[in-house]
Structure formats: structure tokens, C-alpha cells
Amino acid sequence: ATMSVATNILIRPALNSWATVGATAALSLKSYNFDISFIGANGITLDGYSTPDPEEVIVKSEAIKRGKEVYFLCDESKFKANSFINFASLDDGMLITNGKIPIELEKSIRKKED
């Protein structure tokens, strides 16, 4: 069975985001355990995954902690893009993308897998 969890959704038009954000949303996630967490990111560099919104960091971090398996969803435009706040390292989960991963990023990810 599949279950989707929606919590306290806050729309952020200025950031063009439909993200579920904030402390209330993060608190509600604490009562769940996820088999799989899919996490979006605005940027991915050698330093990890990042987002421009501090409120999103709270929720993304909790979803990462609660997931048995974590997958980061980043299209190729996110490579080498660095947003305001890092919320996860490259070894916190697996990357799913539509493009070719830059060589230095791929080397770093593979090194962490070994």
C-alpha cells in the first residue's frame, strides 16, 4: 500500500515553491516512519544538497531522518548550483536525475559509496 502524507502546506509564491515547510510541518512528520523519502533540492555541489528556504530545511531534514531509504530528485539544471542553505550531504541518500552527472560530482558520490 502507498500512503502520501500532506501536512500544513504553505505556498511560497515569491520562491515559486509548493513546498511543505515550517516547524509545524516538521513536528507532524515526527510521528511517521517512511520506507522511502523523495527529497527535492534546488542545488547540488560537492558540499551537498541545498535550498534557498530555511523553512524547507527543517522539513527536508526531518524527512531524511525518518526515511529508511532516501532519494534526492535533481534535474541537470541543479548541478553546480548552490542555494542558500545546505540540508544534506551527498552520502545521505541516492541521487535520481535526468542528466549526466558532472565528473567531479560523480567521483565524489562514488567515493562515498565505496
Protein backbone atom coordinates (compact mmCIF):
# COMPACT_ATOMS: atom_id res chain seq x y z
CA ALA A 1 0.00 0.00 0.00
CA THR A 2 1.09 3.55 -0.68
CA MET A 3 0.46 6.46 1.62
CA SER A 4 1.05 10.11 0.89
CA VAL A 5 1.48 12.44 3.84
CA ALA A 6 0.41 16.06 3.48
CA THR A 7 0.99 18.43 6.34
CA ASN A 8 0.43 22.12 6.88
CA ILE A 9 1.05 23.17 3.25
CA LEU A 10 2.33 26.70 2.84
CA ILE A 11 2.60 28.15 -0.66
CA ARG A 12 5.58 30.45 -1.24
CA PRO A 13 4.87 32.35 -4.49
CA ALA A 14 7.95 34.55 -4.10
CA LEU A 15 10.13 31.42 -4.16
CA ASN A 16 7.96 29.68 -6.77
CA SER A 17 7.54 26.72 -4.44
CA TRP A 18 4.70 24.46 -3.33
CA ALA A 19 6.84 23.10 -0.53
CA THR A 20 5.52 21.88 2.77
CA VAL A 21 7.51 23.98 5.23
CA GLY A 22 7.95 25.10 8.79
CA ALA A 23 8.24 23.80 12.31
CA THR A 24 4.61 22.64 12.48
CA ALA A 25 5.06 20.50 9.38
CA ALA A 26 8.32 19.06 10.73
CA LEU A 27 6.69 18.24 14.08
CA SER A 28 3.90 16.36 12.34
CA LEU A 29 6.48 14.29 10.40
CA LYS A 30 8.00 13.05 13.67
CA SER A 31 5.06 10.67 14.11
CA TYR A 32 5.73 8.91 10.78
CA ASN A 33 8.29 6.38 9.59
CA PHE A 34 8.90 6.27 5.84
CA ASP A 35 10.08 3.32 3.78
CA ILE A 36 11.21 5.80 1.12
CA SER A 37 11.70 9.57 1.25
CA PHE A 38 11.92 11.52 -2.02
CA ILE A 39 13.55 14.91 -1.47
CA GLY A 40 13.86 17.75 -3.99
CA ALA A 41 16.78 20.17 -3.97
CA ASN A 42 17.49 23.50 -5.63
CA GLY A 43 21.20 22.81 -5.88
CA ILE A 44 23.78 20.05 -5.66
CA THR A 45 27.52 20.61 -5.28
CA LEU A 46 30.41 18.74 -3.67
CA ASP A 47 29.17 20.25 -0.38
CA GLY A 48 25.79 18.50 -0.72
CA TYR A 49 22.18 19.41 -1.43
CA SER A 50 20.86 22.92 -0.87
CA THR A 51 17.72 25.06 -0.88
CA PRO A 52 17.07 28.80 -0.58
CA ASP A 53 14.44 28.47 2.16
CA PRO A 54 15.35 27.91 5.83
CA GLU A 55 11.79 26.71 6.49
CA GLU A 56 12.19 23.94 3.92
CA VAL A 57 15.42 22.80 5.59
CA ILE A 58 13.52 21.92 8.77
CA VAL A 59 11.07 19.65 6.91
CA LYS A 60 13.58 18.13 4.48
CA SER A 61 15.97 17.28 7.34
CA GLU A 62 13.20 15.53 9.28
CA ALA A 63 12.02 13.58 6.21
CA ILE A 64 15.61 12.43 5.62
CA LYS A 65 15.92 11.25 9.24
CA ARG A 66 12.57 9.39 9.07
CA GLY A 67 13.25 7.57 5.77
CA LYS A 68 14.71 4.06 5.57
CA GLU A 69 15.77 4.88 2.00
CA VAL A 70 16.34 8.44 0.79
CA TYR A 71 16.35 9.59 -2.83
CA PHE A 72 17.25 13.10 -3.93
CA LEU A 73 15.49 14.36 -7.06
CA CYS A 74 17.61 16.84 -9.01
CA ASP A 75 17.35 17.66 -12.69
CA GLU A 76 20.54 18.57 -14.55
CA SER A 77 19.99 22.32 -14.01
CA LYS A 78 20.70 21.79 -10.28
CA PHE A 79 24.27 20.55 -10.83
CA LYS A 80 26.86 23.03 -9.56
CA ALA A 81 24.01 25.28 -8.40
CA ASN A 82 24.46 26.32 -4.80
CA SER A 83 21.48 27.64 -2.88
CA PHE A 84 21.47 29.50 0.43
CA ILE A 85 21.47 26.56 2.89
CA ASN A 86 22.84 23.02 2.68
CA PHE A 87 20.46 20.48 4.22
CA ALA A 88 22.09 17.15 3.34
CA SER A 89 25.43 15.68 2.33
CA LEU A 90 25.97 13.60 -0.79
CA ASP A 91 26.04 10.39 1.24
CA ASP A 92 22.65 10.97 2.88
CA GLY A 93 20.87 9.22 0.00
CA MET A 94 20.86 8.25 -3.67
CA LEU A 95 20.63 10.78 -6.49
CA ILE A 96 17.94 10.46 -9.18
CA THR A 97 18.47 12.74 -12.18
CA ASN A 98 17.66 13.19 -15.84
CA GLY A 99 21.11 14.29 -16.94
CA LYS A 100 24.76 13.40 -16.96
CA ILE A 101 26.34 13.95 -13.57
CA PRO A 102 29.41 16.22 -13.73
CA ILE A 103 32.59 14.13 -13.38
CA GLU A 104 33.84 15.68 -10.11
CA LEU A 105 30.41 15.21 -8.52
CA GLU A 106 30.15 11.62 -9.77
CA LYS A 107 33.63 10.82 -8.40
CA SER A 108 32.68 12.22 -5.01
CA ILE A 109 29.41 10.26 -4.92
CA ARG A 110 31.14 7.01 -5.95
CA LYS A 111 33.89 7.53 -3.36
CA LYS A 112 31.26 7.83 -0.64
CA GLU A 113 29.60 4.61 -1.86
CA ASP A 114 32.87 2.63 -1.51
